[in-house]
Amino acid sequence: MRILLDECVNAGVRAAFPGHSVKTVSEISWRSSKDGPLLAHAEKAVDVFVTIDRKLGRQHDLKRLRLGFVVAHVPDNEIASELKGRCRTHAFSGQLEDRRGFLR
């Protein structure tokens, strides 16, 4: 699976996705981009977008995008918070669901 980590997500989170192709927004040279153009690019280039931006779903109509989203609720952007269980994510039975079915 191709996964893109938003620039607000600590790059060390890639370790949580072994066996998948994980890139950061910085690595693909889209750092400091506005959300709209970034999401349009992500829709074409990756399968899942990971963010800690809780406002993303209110600011954009994510249902129209053919892309899975993981929004992690963390107290801060420290890798210890994101990887050591101090976060909550929106997930569906441990899997991500998009319009194409279940992503594994």
C-alpha atoms as a PDB file:
ATOM      1  CA  MET A   1       0.000   0.000   0.000  1.00  0.00           C
ATOM      2  CA  ARG A   2       1.214   3.530  -0.747  1.00  0.00           C
ATOM      3  CA  ILE A   3       0.947   5.781   2.311  1.00  0.00           C
ATOM      4  CA  LEU A   4       1.583   9.514   2.593  1.00  0.00           C
ATOM      5  CA  LEU A   5       2.339  11.086   5.982  1.00  0.00           C
ATOM      6  CA  ASP A   6       1.159  14.676   6.336  1.00  0.00           C
ATOM      7  CA  GLU A   7       3.876  17.162   7.305  1.00  0.00           C
ATOM      8  CA  CYS A   8       2.349  17.462  10.794  1.00  0.00           C
ATOM      9  CA  VAL A   9       3.008  13.744  11.403  1.00  0.00           C
ATOM     10  CA  ASN A  10       6.391  12.766  12.796  1.00  0.00           C
ATOM     11  CA  ALA A  11       8.326  10.937  10.057  1.00  0.00           C
ATOM     12  CA  GLY A  12       9.195   8.176  12.522  1.00  0.00           C
ATOM     13  CA  VAL A  13       5.595   6.981  12.289  1.00  0.00           C
ATOM     14  CA  ARG A  14       6.585   5.204   9.078  1.00  0.00           C
ATOM     15  CA  ALA A  15       7.808   2.387  11.359  1.00  0.00           C
ATOM     16  CA  ALA A  16       4.152   1.645  12.166  1.00  0.00           C
ATOM     17  CA  PHE A  17       3.581   0.565   8.546  1.00  0.00           C
ATOM     18  CA  PRO A  18       6.130  -2.197   7.821  1.00  0.00           C
ATOM     19  CA  GLY A  19       5.900  -3.694   4.361  1.00  0.00           C
ATOM     20  CA  HIS A  20       4.245  -0.612   2.864  1.00  0.00           C
ATOM     21  CA  SER A  21       5.618   2.216   0.760  1.00  0.00           C
ATOM     22  CA  VAL A  22       5.565   5.241   3.090  1.00  0.00           C
ATOM     23  CA  LYS A  23       6.558   8.764   2.059  1.00  0.00           C
ATOM     24  CA  THR A  24       6.299  12.080   3.869  1.00  0.00           C
ATOM     25  CA  VAL A  25       4.966  15.287   2.363  1.00  0.00           C
ATOM     26  CA  SER A  26       8.496  16.720   2.668  1.00  0.00           C
ATOM     27  CA  GLU A  27      10.002  13.795   0.743  1.00  0.00           C
ATOM     28  CA  ILE A  28       7.722  14.403  -2.214  1.00  0.00           C
ATOM     29  CA  SER A  29       8.471  18.157  -2.165  1.00  0.00           C
ATOM     30  CA  TRP A  30       4.938  19.236  -1.228  1.00  0.00           C
ATOM     31  CA  ARG A  31       5.852  20.755   2.146  1.00  0.00           C
ATOM     32  CA  SER A  32       3.896  23.910   3.063  1.00  0.00           C
ATOM     33  CA  SER A  33       1.345  23.200   0.338  1.00  0.00           C
ATOM     34  CA  LYS A  34      -2.278  24.146   0.810  1.00  0.00           C
ATOM     35  CA  ASP A  35      -4.459  21.171   1.737  1.00  0.00           C
ATOM     36  CA  GLY A  36      -6.616  21.243  -1.421  1.00  0.00           C
ATOM     37  CA  PRO A  37      -3.804  20.823  -3.960  1.00  0.00           C
ATOM     38  CA  LEU A  38      -1.987  18.389  -1.651  1.00  0.00           C
ATOM     39  CA  LEU A  39      -5.065  16.168  -1.323  1.00  0.00           C
ATOM     40  CA  ALA A  40      -5.646  16.268  -5.090  1.00  0.00           C
ATOM     41  CA  HIS A  41      -2.055  15.110  -5.610  1.00  0.00           C
ATOM     42  CA  ALA A  42      -2.374  12.459  -2.888  1.00  0.00           C
ATOM     43  CA  GLU A  43      -5.541  11.079  -4.506  1.00  0.00           C
ATOM     44  CA  LYS A  44      -3.545  10.318  -7.658  1.00  0.00           C
ATOM     45  CA  ALA A  45      -0.321   9.159  -6.011  1.00  0.00           C
ATOM     46  CA  VAL A  46      -1.149   7.190  -2.836  1.00  0.00           C
ATOM     47  CA  ASP A  47      -3.755   4.920  -1.269  1.00  0.00           C
ATOM     48  CA  VAL A  48      -3.835   6.375   2.259  1.00  0.00           C
ATOM     49  CA  PHE A  49      -3.184   9.809   3.765  1.00  0.00           C
ATOM     50  CA  VAL A  50      -2.173   9.911   7.452  1.00  0.00           C
ATOM     51  CA  THR A  51      -2.580  13.126   9.433  1.00  0.00           C
ATOM     52  CA  ILE A  52      -3.077  14.507  12.919  1.00  0.00           C
ATOM     53  CA  ASP A  53      -4.994  17.498  11.536  1.00  0.00           C
ATOM     54  CA  ARG A  54      -8.410  17.083  13.181  1.00  0.00           C
ATOM     55  CA  LYS A  55      -9.850  19.948  11.136  1.00  0.00           C
ATOM     56  CA  LEU A  56      -9.140  18.328   7.773  1.00  0.00           C
ATOM     57  CA  GLY A  57     -12.534  16.628   7.562  1.00  0.00           C
ATOM     58  CA  ARG A  58     -14.377  19.833   8.389  1.00  0.00           C
ATOM     59  CA  GLN A  59     -12.392  21.907   5.920  1.00  0.00           C
ATOM     60  CA  HIS A  60     -12.582  19.494   2.966  1.00  0.00           C
ATOM     61  CA  ASP A  61     -15.124  17.030   1.591  1.00  0.00           C
ATOM     62  CA  LEU A  62     -13.016  13.916   2.095  1.00  0.00           C
ATOM     63  CA  LYS A  63     -15.797  11.586   0.922  1.00  0.00           C
ATOM     64  CA  ARG A  64     -15.388  12.801  -2.637  1.00  0.00           C
ATOM     65  CA  LEU A  65     -11.734  11.739  -2.726  1.00  0.00           C
ATOM     66  CA  ARG A  66     -10.795   8.214  -3.775  1.00  0.00           C
ATOM     67  CA  LEU A  67      -8.324   7.889  -0.957  1.00  0.00           C
ATOM     68  CA  GLY A  68      -8.257   6.393   2.521  1.00  0.00           C
ATOM     69  CA  PHE A  69      -7.620   8.631   5.522  1.00  0.00           C
ATOM     70  CA  VAL A  70      -6.232   8.004   8.984  1.00  0.00           C
ATOM     71  CA  VAL A  71      -6.719  10.872  11.416  1.00  0.00           C
ATOM     72  CA  ALA A  72      -4.771  10.153  14.602  1.00  0.00           C
ATOM     73  CA  HIS A  73      -5.786  12.033  17.730  1.00  0.00           C
ATOM     74  CA  VAL A  74      -2.562  12.688  19.645  1.00  0.00           C
ATOM     75  CA  PRO A  75      -1.663  15.118  22.426  1.00  0.00           C
ATOM     76  CA  ASP A  76       1.377  16.391  20.482  1.00  0.00           C
ATOM     77  CA  ASN A  77       3.616  15.581  17.518  1.00  0.00           C
ATOM     78  CA  GLU A  78       6.152  13.607  19.544  1.00  0.00           C
ATOM     79  CA  ILE A  79       6.947  10.148  18.217  1.00  0.00           C
ATOM     80  CA  ALA A  80       6.419   8.690  21.706  1.00  0.00           C
ATOM     81  CA  SER A  81       2.779   9.808  21.613  1.00  0.00           C
ATOM     82  CA  GLU A  82       2.146   8.538  18.117  1.00  0.00           C
ATOM     83  CA  LEU A  83       3.756   5.113  18.436  1.00  0.00           C
ATOM     84  CA  LYS A  84       3.281   4.206  22.087  1.00  0.00           C
ATOM     85  CA  GLY A  85      -0.485   4.053  22.228  1.00  0.00           C
ATOM     86  CA  ARG A  86      -1.291   7.551  23.456  1.00  0.00           C
ATOM     87  CA  CYS A  87      -3.326   8.231  20.352  1.00  0.00           C
ATOM     88  CA  ARG A  88      -6.746   7.335  19.016  1.00  0.00           C
ATOM     89  CA  THR A  89      -7.403   6.758  15.343  1.00  0.00           C
ATOM     90  CA  HIS A  90     -10.540   6.503  13.304  1.00  0.00           C
ATOM     91  CA  ALA A  91     -10.471   2.997  11.885  1.00  0.00           C
ATOM     92  CA  PHE A  92     -12.904   0.354  10.710  1.00  0.00           C
ATOM     93  CA  SER A  93     -12.376  -3.007  12.424  1.00  0.00           C
ATOM     94  CA  GLY A  94      -8.616  -2.432  12.362  1.00  0.00           C
ATOM     95  CA  GLN A  95      -8.685  -1.807   8.611  1.00  0.00           C
ATOM     96  CA  LEU A  96      -9.113   1.267   6.476  1.00  0.00           C
ATOM     97  CA  GLU A  97     -12.147   1.451   4.246  1.00  0.00           C
ATOM     98  CA  ASP A  98     -12.487   3.475   1.091  1.00  0.00           C
ATOM     99  CA  ARG A  99     -14.837   3.489  -1.866  1.00  0.00           C
ATOM    100  CA  ARG A 100     -12.905   0.681  -3.522  1.00  0.00           C
ATOM    101  CA  GLY A 101     -13.457  -1.669  -0.574  1.00  0.00           C
ATOM    102  CA  PHE A 102     -11.120  -2.567   2.245  1.00  0.00           C
ATOM    103  CA  LEU A 103      -7.466  -1.608   2.122  1.00  0.00           C
ATOM    104  CA  ARG A 104      -5.163  -4.127   3.739  1.00  0.00           C
END
